[in-house]
């Protein structure tokens, strides 16, 4: 998914679920795209 697709998806979700247009710019965080958008949390051992 590219930034343009992300923007369109967020705009649609905003309208469908909140009933208001999303008027900001949505961009991927570069750290998320390099890790495949995965976040592993350490367990409190």
Protein backbone atom coordinates (compact mmCIF):
# COMPACT_ATOMS: atom_id res chain seq x y z
CA UNK A 1 0.00 0.00 0.00
CA UNK A 2 1.33 3.41 -0.97
CA UNK A 3 0.55 6.79 0.61
CA UNK A 4 -2.15 7.51 -1.98
CA UNK A 5 -3.97 4.25 -1.19
CA UNK A 6 -3.60 4.93 2.53
CA UNK A 7 -5.11 8.40 2.08
CA UNK A 8 -8.12 7.04 0.18
CA UNK A 9 -8.67 4.25 2.72
CA UNK A 10 -8.55 6.62 5.70
CA UNK A 11 -10.91 9.06 3.98
CA UNK A 12 -13.40 6.24 3.40
CA UNK A 13 -13.11 4.89 6.96
CA UNK A 14 -13.64 8.39 8.34
CA UNK A 15 -16.84 8.82 6.34
CA UNK A 16 -18.15 5.30 6.97
CA UNK A 17 -17.47 5.13 10.69
CA UNK A 18 -17.46 8.74 11.90
CA UNK A 19 -19.61 10.52 9.32
CA UNK A 20 -17.06 13.28 8.80
CA UNK A 21 -14.49 13.83 6.07
CA UNK A 22 -10.81 13.34 6.85
CA UNK A 23 -9.22 16.63 5.80
CA UNK A 24 -5.61 15.96 6.77
CA UNK A 25 -2.79 14.22 4.92
CA UNK A 26 -2.13 10.59 5.81
CA UNK A 27 1.41 9.30 5.36
CA UNK A 28 3.19 6.13 6.34
CA UNK A 29 5.72 6.44 9.10
CA UNK A 30 9.06 5.38 7.60
CA UNK A 31 9.85 3.23 10.64
CA UNK A 32 6.68 1.21 10.11
CA UNK A 33 7.30 0.56 6.44
CA UNK A 34 10.83 -0.71 7.08
CA UNK A 35 9.65 -3.20 9.71
CA UNK A 36 6.59 -4.33 7.79
CA UNK A 37 4.38 -2.42 10.24
CA UNK A 38 5.00 -5.00 12.94
CA UNK A 39 5.66 -4.14 16.54
CA UNK A 40 6.84 -6.76 19.00
CA UNK A 41 6.53 -5.88 22.65
CA UNK A 42 8.81 -7.44 25.23
CA UNK A 43 7.06 -9.60 27.78
CA UNK A 44 7.61 -8.60 31.42
CA UNK A 45 9.54 -11.71 32.52
